Protein backbone atom coordinates (compact mmCIF):
# COMPACT_ATOMS: atom_id res chain seq x y z
CA UNK A 1 0.04 0.05 -0.17
CA UNK A 2 1.53 3.38 -0.90
CA UNK A 3 0.48 6.87 -1.58
CA UNK A 4 2.60 9.41 -3.62
CA UNK A 5 2.53 13.31 -3.52
CA UNK A 6 4.51 14.47 -6.59
CA UNK A 7 3.94 18.18 -5.95
CA UNK A 8 4.01 18.10 -2.11
CA UNK A 9 5.40 16.75 0.95
CA UNK A 10 3.53 14.29 3.28
CA UNK A 11 4.28 15.37 6.74
CA UNK A 12 2.00 13.23 9.02
CA UNK A 13 0.90 9.73 8.82
CA UNK A 14 -0.62 6.83 10.78
CA UNK A 15 -0.17 3.86 11.31
CA UNK A 16 3.74 3.95 10.92
CA UNK A 17 4.92 3.46 7.31
CA UNK A 18 7.68 1.05 6.15
CA UNK A 19 9.55 3.75 4.31
CA UNK A 20 8.97 7.32 3.13
CA UNK A 21 10.44 9.69 0.65
CA UNK A 22 12.25 12.02 1.16
CA UNK A 23 13.68 10.49 4.27
CA UNK A 24 13.46 12.67 7.31
CA UNK A 25 16.75 15.02 7.72
CA UNK A 26 16.70 15.82 11.36
CA UNK A 27 19.33 18.34 10.94
CA UNK A 28 17.83 20.01 8.08
CA UNK A 29 14.10 19.71 8.84
CA UNK A 30 14.06 22.39 11.71
CA UNK A 31 16.47 24.89 9.94
CA UNK A 32 15.65 24.96 6.32
CA UNK A 33 12.67 22.69 6.14
CA UNK A 34 12.14 19.78 3.94
CA UNK A 35 11.88 20.31 0.22
CA UNK A 36 8.33 20.14 -1.33
CA UNK A 37 7.88 17.56 -4.04
CA UNK A 38 8.15 13.84 -4.96
CA UNK A 39 6.92 12.56 -1.55
CA UNK A 40 5.89 9.15 -0.93
CA UNK A 41 4.62 6.94 2.05
CA UNK A 42 4.74 3.11 1.89
CA UNK A 43 3.01 1.03 4.50
CA UNK A 44 4.10 -2.32 2.86
CA UNK A 45 1.60 -5.10 3.67
CA UNK A 46 -1.76 -4.07 5.12
CA UNK A 47 -4.23 -6.57 6.47
CA UNK A 48 -7.86 -5.70 6.30
CA UNK A 49 -10.00 -7.55 8.97
CA UNK A 50 -13.79 -7.25 8.77
CA UNK A 51 -15.16 -6.89 12.38
CA UNK A 52 -17.50 -9.71 11.49
CA UNK A 53 -14.62 -12.10 11.73
CA UNK A 54 -13.99 -10.94 15.37
CA UNK A 55 -17.70 -12.09 16.49
CA UNK A 56 -17.21 -14.24 19.68
CA UNK A 57 -18.95 -17.49 19.75
CA UNK A 58 -22.01 -16.27 22.22
CA UNK A 59 -25.43 -17.03 21.49
CA UNK A 60 -26.95 -13.81 22.93
CA UNK A 61 -26.71 -11.38 20.17
CA UNK A 62 -26.81 -8.21 22.24
CA UNK A 63 -24.01 -9.59 24.38
CA UNK A 64 -22.02 -10.74 21.26
CA UNK A 65 -22.25 -7.28 19.72
CA UNK A 66 -21.08 -5.59 22.97
CA UNK A 67 -18.11 -7.88 23.06
CA UNK A 68 -17.15 -7.32 19.58
CA UNK A 69 -17.49 -3.49 20.14
CA UNK A 70 -15.09 -3.52 23.15
CA UNK A 71 -12.53 -5.94 21.34
CA UNK A 72 -12.33 -3.23 18.52
CA UNK A 73 -12.08 -0.52 20.90
CA UNK A 74 -9.34 -2.04 22.82
CA UNK A 75 -7.27 -2.60 19.52
CA UNK A 76 -7.64 1.16 18.37
CA UNK A 77 -5.12 3.71 19.68
CA UNK A 78 -5.83 6.48 22.20
CA UNK A 79 -3.95 9.67 22.05
CA UNK A 80 -4.25 13.36 22.45
CA UNK A 81 -5.46 13.95 18.86
CA UNK A 82 -8.11 11.47 19.20
CA UNK A 83 -11.03 14.01 19.50
CA UNK A 84 -10.13 15.14 15.95
CA UNK A 85 -9.90 11.82 14.27
CA UNK A 86 -12.22 9.56 16.29
CA UNK A 87 -15.23 10.48 13.96
CA UNK A 88 -13.53 8.68 11.19
CA UNK A 89 -13.96 5.39 13.11
CA UNK A 90 -17.64 5.79 13.07
CA UNK A 91 -18.11 3.69 9.94
CA UNK A 92 -18.59 0.06 8.83
CA UNK A 93 -14.81 -0.12 7.73
CA UNK A 94 -12.82 -3.12 8.25
CA UNK A 95 -10.06 -2.87 10.75
CA UNK A 96 -6.59 -2.01 9.21
CA UNK A 97 -3.58 -3.72 10.61
CA UNK A 98 0.02 -3.02 9.87
CA UNK A 99 3.24 -4.34 11.25
CA UNK A 100 5.83 -1.65 11.99
CA UNK A 101 7.98 0.47 14.29
CA UNK A 102 6.81 3.44 16.27
CA UNK A 103 10.18 5.04 16.02
CA UNK A 104 14.07 4.57 15.72
CA UNK A 105 15.32 1.54 17.43
CA UNK A 106 11.78 0.44 18.42
CA UNK A 107 10.73 -3.22 18.08
CA UNK A 108 8.37 -4.25 15.46
CA UNK A 109 4.63 -4.35 16.55
CA UNK A 110 1.05 -4.50 15.44
CA UNK A 111 -0.87 -1.32 14.81
CA UNK A 112 -4.75 -1.20 14.39
CA UNK A 113 -6.80 1.38 12.80
CA UNK A 114 -10.10 1.84 10.61
CA UNK A 115 -8.16 3.99 8.32
CA UNK A 116 -4.98 5.12 6.90
CA UNK A 117 -4.20 8.67 7.73
CA UNK A 118 -1.93 10.95 5.99
CA UNK A 119 -1.46 14.79 5.72
CA UNK A 120 0.83 17.10 3.93
CA UNK A 121 1.48 20.36 2.29
CA UNK A 122 1.38 21.01 -1.39
CA UNK A 123 2.69 23.50 -3.98
CA UNK A 124 0.26 23.22 -6.86
CA UNK A 125 -2.55 25.26 -8.50
CA UNK A 126 -6.01 23.70 -8.84
CA UNK A 127 -8.14 25.05 -12.03
CA UNK A 128 -10.84 26.29 -9.58
CA UNK A 129 -11.11 29.78 -8.31
CA UNK A 130 -13.62 31.99 -6.60
CA UNK A 131 -14.01 35.80 -6.76
CA UNK A 132 -16.28 38.51 -5.59
CA UNK A 133 -18.00 40.56 -8.34
CA UNK A 134 -19.85 43.26 -6.93
CA UNK A 135 -22.30 41.64 -4.27
CA UNK A 136 -21.94 38.22 -5.60
CA UNK A 137 -19.32 35.36 -5.82
CA UNK A 138 -18.49 33.80 -9.04
CA UNK A 139 -16.84 30.32 -9.12
CA UNK A 140 -14.84 29.40 -12.17
CA UNK A 141 -13.77 25.91 -13.29
CA UNK A 142 -10.87 26.18 -15.86
CA UNK A 143 -10.34 22.32 -15.69
CA UNK A 144 -11.34 19.52 -18.10
CA UNK A 145 -13.75 18.01 -15.68
CA UNK A 146 -16.95 19.11 -14.24
CA UNK A 147 -17.38 19.98 -10.59
CA UNK A 148 -20.39 17.95 -9.46
CA UNK A 149 -21.19 20.44 -6.45
CA UNK A 150 -19.94 23.68 -4.80
CA UNK A 151 -21.03 25.13 -1.46
CA UNK A 152 -20.55 28.66 -0.31
CA UNK A 153 -20.58 29.31 3.35
CA UNK A 154 -20.49 32.62 5.41
CA UNK A 155 -19.98 32.53 9.12
CA UNK A 156 -20.20 35.68 11.26
CA UNK A 157 -20.25 34.66 14.93
CA UNK A 158 -23.46 32.93 15.56
CA UNK A 159 -24.84 33.81 11.97
CA UNK A 160 -24.49 31.16 9.40
CA UNK A 161 -25.59 31.69 5.89
CA UNK A 162 -24.95 29.21 2.90
CA UNK A 163 -25.88 28.66 -0.75
CA UNK A 164 -25.05 25.89 -3.35
CA UNK A 165 -24.41 25.17 -6.93
CA UNK A 166 -25.25 21.59 -8.32
CA UNK A 167 -22.62 21.40 -11.00
CA UNK A 168 -19.94 23.76 -12.47
CA UNK A 169 -19.17 22.36 -15.91
CA UNK A 170 -15.66 22.34 -17.46
CA UNK A 171 -14.55 25.80 -18.74
CA UNK A 172 -17.51 27.46 -17.23
CA UNK A 173 -18.05 30.19 -14.57
CA UNK A 174 -21.42 30.46 -12.43
CA UNK A 175 -22.66 32.85 -10.04
CA UNK A 176 -23.63 31.80 -6.50
CA UNK A 177 -27.31 32.71 -5.60
CA UNK A 178 -27.88 35.00 -2.55
CA UNK A 179 -26.72 33.52 0.71
CA UNK A 180 -29.48 32.27 2.85
CA UNK A 181 -29.60 31.78 6.69
CA UNK A 182 -29.08 28.11 7.59
CA UNK A 183 -29.15 26.09 10.81
CA UNK A 184 -25.83 24.19 11.63
CA UNK A 185 -27.92 20.86 11.21
CA UNK A 186 -29.13 22.10 7.71
CA UNK A 187 -25.73 22.89 6.58
CA UNK A 188 -24.23 19.54 7.89
CA UNK A 189 -26.97 17.73 5.95
CA UNK A 190 -26.36 19.70 2.79
CA UNK A 191 -22.63 18.83 2.74
CA UNK A 192 -23.25 15.16 3.55
CA UNK A 193 -25.62 14.92 0.64
CA UNK A 194 -23.07 16.09 -1.58
CA UNK A 195 -20.58 13.60 -0.39
CA UNK A 196 -23.21 10.80 -0.69
CA UNK A 197 -23.81 12.01 -4.26
CA UNK A 198 -20.01 11.47 -4.94
CA UNK A 199 -20.30 7.84 -3.87
CA UNK A 200 -19.62 7.88 -0.09
CA UNK A 201 -21.94 5.67 2.12
CA UNK A 202 -23.90 7.68 4.56
CA UNK A 203 -21.75 6.90 7.55
CA UNK A 204 -18.63 7.88 5.77
CA UNK A 205 -20.17 11.11 4.79
CA UNK A 206 -21.35 11.90 8.29
CA UNK A 207 -17.79 11.02 9.54
CA UNK A 208 -16.22 13.31 7.30
CA UNK A 209 -18.46 16.21 8.09
CA UNK A 210 -18.08 15.64 11.83
CA UNK A 211 -14.18 15.72 11.30
CA UNK A 212 -14.16 18.90 9.66
CA UNK A 213 -17.15 20.84 10.57
CA UNK A 214 -15.53 23.02 13.33
CA UNK A 215 -13.41 24.63 10.77
CA UNK A 216 -15.83 24.61 7.90
CA UNK A 217 -19.04 25.80 9.91
CA UNK A 218 -17.63 27.87 13.03
CA UNK A 219 -14.58 29.80 11.75
CA UNK A 220 -15.49 33.42 10.80
CA UNK A 221 -15.23 34.06 7.09
CA UNK A 222 -16.50 33.34 3.69
CA UNK A 223 -15.48 29.99 2.05
CA UNK A 224 -16.43 27.80 -0.82
CA UNK A 225 -16.32 23.96 -0.60
CA UNK A 226 -16.37 21.84 -3.79
CA UNK A 227 -15.99 18.25 -4.71
CA UNK A 228 -12.76 17.75 -6.38
CA UNK A 229 -13.06 15.58 -9.44
CA UNK A 230 -11.87 12.01 -8.73
CA UNK A 231 -9.27 11.90 -11.67
CA UNK A 232 -7.82 15.13 -10.29
CA UNK A 233 -7.53 13.43 -6.87
CA UNK A 234 -5.79 10.42 -8.36
CA UNK A 235 -3.22 12.77 -10.13
CA UNK A 236 -2.32 14.80 -7.25
CA UNK A 237 -2.34 11.86 -4.81
CA UNK A 238 -1.51 8.69 -6.63
CA UNK A 239 -2.74 5.68 -4.61
CA UNK A 240 -1.20 2.03 -5.38
CA UNK A 241 -2.92 -0.96 -3.80
CA UNK A 242 -1.81 -4.50 -4.87
CA UNK A 243 -3.77 -6.51 -5.55
CA UNK A 244 -5.76 -3.70 -7.21
CA UNK A 245 -9.40 -3.70 -5.69
CA UNK A 246 -12.60 -4.14 -7.90
CA UNK A 247 -13.72 -0.61 -6.92
CA UNK A 248 -11.82 2.28 -5.61
CA UNK A 249 -13.48 5.50 -4.65
CA UNK A 250 -11.76 8.56 -3.37
CA UNK A 251 -13.65 11.89 -2.58
CA UNK A 252 -11.68 14.81 -1.89
CA UNK A 253 -13.18 18.20 -0.66
CA UNK A 254 -11.48 21.34 -1.95
CA UNK A 255 -11.92 24.72 0.17
CA UNK A 256 -11.25 28.26 -0.75
CA UNK A 257 -11.47 31.02 1.63
CA UNK A 258 -12.40 34.33 0.01
CA UNK A 259 -12.57 37.82 1.13
CA UNK A 260 -15.17 40.40 0.18
CA UNK A 261 -13.96 44.06 -0.59
CA UNK A 262 -15.71 44.92 2.84
CA UNK A 263 -13.65 42.42 4.64
CA UNK A 264 -10.48 43.68 2.85
CA UNK A 265 -11.33 47.36 3.92
CA UNK A 266 -12.01 46.14 7.61
CA UNK A 267 -8.46 44.34 7.78
CA UNK A 268 -6.90 47.43 6.36
CA UNK A 269 -8.59 49.51 9.06
CA UNK A 270 -7.64 47.21 11.88
CA UNK A 271 -3.90 47.49 10.72
CA UNK A 272 -4.15 51.15 10.36
CA UNK A 273 -5.34 51.18 14.01
CA UNK A 274 -2.50 48.88 14.98
CA UNK A 275 0.02 51.29 13.65
CA UNK A 276 -1.18 53.78 16.43
CA UNK A 277 -1.59 51.14 19.08
CA UNK A 278 1.91 50.01 18.71
CA UNK A 279 3.21 53.40 18.90
CA UNK A 280 1.35 54.04 22.04
CA UNK A 281 2.64 50.74 23.39
CA UNK A 282 6.21 51.33 22.64
CA UNK A 283 6.02 55.01 23.97
CA UNK A 284 4.64 53.56 27.37
CA UNK A 285 7.13 50.78 27.75
CA UNK A 286 10.20 52.88 27.81
CA UNK A 287 9.39 55.09 30.87
CA UNK A 288 8.38 52.15 32.88
CA UNK A 289 11.38 50.14 32.12
CA UNK A 290 9.34 47.66 30.18
CA UNK A 291 11.52 47.84 26.96
CA UNK A 292 11.18 44.51 25.12
CA UNK A 293 7.48 43.81 26.37
CA UNK A 294 5.96 42.16 23.41
CA UNK A 295 3.36 43.89 21.44
CA UNK A 296 0.02 41.65 21.37
CA UNK A 297 -1.54 41.22 17.96
CA UNK A 298 -4.92 43.19 18.18
CA UNK A 299 -8.05 41.29 18.72
CA UNK A 300 -9.49 42.97 15.64
CA UNK A 301 -6.98 41.02 13.62
CA UNK A 302 -6.90 37.83 15.64
CA UNK A 303 -10.84 37.36 15.03
CA UNK A 304 -9.89 36.58 11.35
CA UNK A 305 -8.73 33.11 12.76
CA UNK A 306 -6.62 31.01 10.33
CA UNK A 307 -7.17 33.62 7.78
CA UNK A 308 -5.56 36.43 9.65
CA UNK A 309 -2.11 35.84 8.17
CA UNK A 310 -3.09 35.53 4.44
CA UNK A 311 -5.40 38.55 5.06
CA UNK A 312 -2.37 40.46 6.29
CA UNK A 313 -0.29 39.41 3.25
CA UNK A 314 -3.18 40.81 1.10
CA UNK A 315 -3.02 44.21 3.01
CA UNK A 316 0.58 44.34 2.81
CA UNK A 317 0.23 44.27 -1.26
CA UNK A 318 -2.96 46.45 -1.71
CA UNK A 319 -2.73 49.19 0.70
CA UNK A 320 -1.72 52.46 -0.56
CA UNK A 321 -0.21 53.73 2.78
CA UNK A 322 3.25 52.60 3.34
CA UNK A 323 3.01 52.62 7.03
CA UNK A 324 -0.05 50.36 7.03
CA UNK A 325 2.01 48.03 4.62
CA UNK A 326 4.74 48.09 7.11
CA UNK A 327 2.63 47.21 10.02
CA UNK A 328 0.93 44.39 8.13
CA UNK A 329 4.44 43.01 7.46
CA UNK A 330 5.40 43.27 11.15
CA UNK A 331 2.18 41.43 12.17
CA UNK A 332 2.96 38.79 9.62
CA UNK A 333 6.32 38.27 11.28
CA UNK A 334 4.53 38.02 14.75
CA UNK A 335 2.24 35.44 13.40
CA UNK A 336 5.11 33.45 12.01
CA UNK A 337 6.91 33.39 15.42
CA UNK A 338 3.85 31.91 17.06
CA UNK A 339 4.01 28.42 18.41
CA UNK A 340 2.45 25.88 15.38
């Protein structure tokens, strides 16, 4: 079992792999960082064990199911990141068994899961983009394959708005309809149905939404989710399974964060205010002997969440005021020094 990332770097995985490319360079990784491209993970032999094969020889059906569930639960790992990935186990998937080592000089042992997990960073351009045109958002598909669905979501505190498009044909651009108020449950069901339409089982679709709904549905901002065509996924992340299964289905959700002109202006104003606040902070620090007291990133900037840093990059490019551009760059540097 092997997965490649020709235009990226696979940085996290579980269970442990037999080998990976590029091999980890402990001296380089924390200084220059690893090069992005030609990445690979190879798990070697993987055993798939249907949970039905674990059924104990107990006549009472309820007890039999309870014992099986406890057996499976006992085989699965439990760690600090379980909260995020536990939802992916809430399916009818077979157990995945891999023999490997947890680290250098560790003995070989068995690892059990209900999936193979891998994450990474990439450096490539997908042929899909979204932009504001006056009060509407236009999604463009410049690829050779249709997008089967796209959903635009706007989150502002407790307010949740969304709208969707059934299909964006190859080479076409379409305008999203006006955003409509939705409950969190309505939005969950909308995305789940799009995933089911792509071929996922209902439990798989539910598990996928539960895994990502916090970042999709609760982080302030405007974003577009879309179903990446299967052949595109196979091109970006080639998956090799031997012997080849009769059917292989992969569903990848693309995500684009977009800023309206109004959001851009609010960020420019937040950075302009930070210029004055930083100057006041520095002026007060010297008389009190507090030189070097760190300046805190303003709440008006932090409220953009994970999009704060790219929004600051945008401000550093488009603002006509050099002091604002410089302040944006200083805030970017502060973000880059924050613990990851």
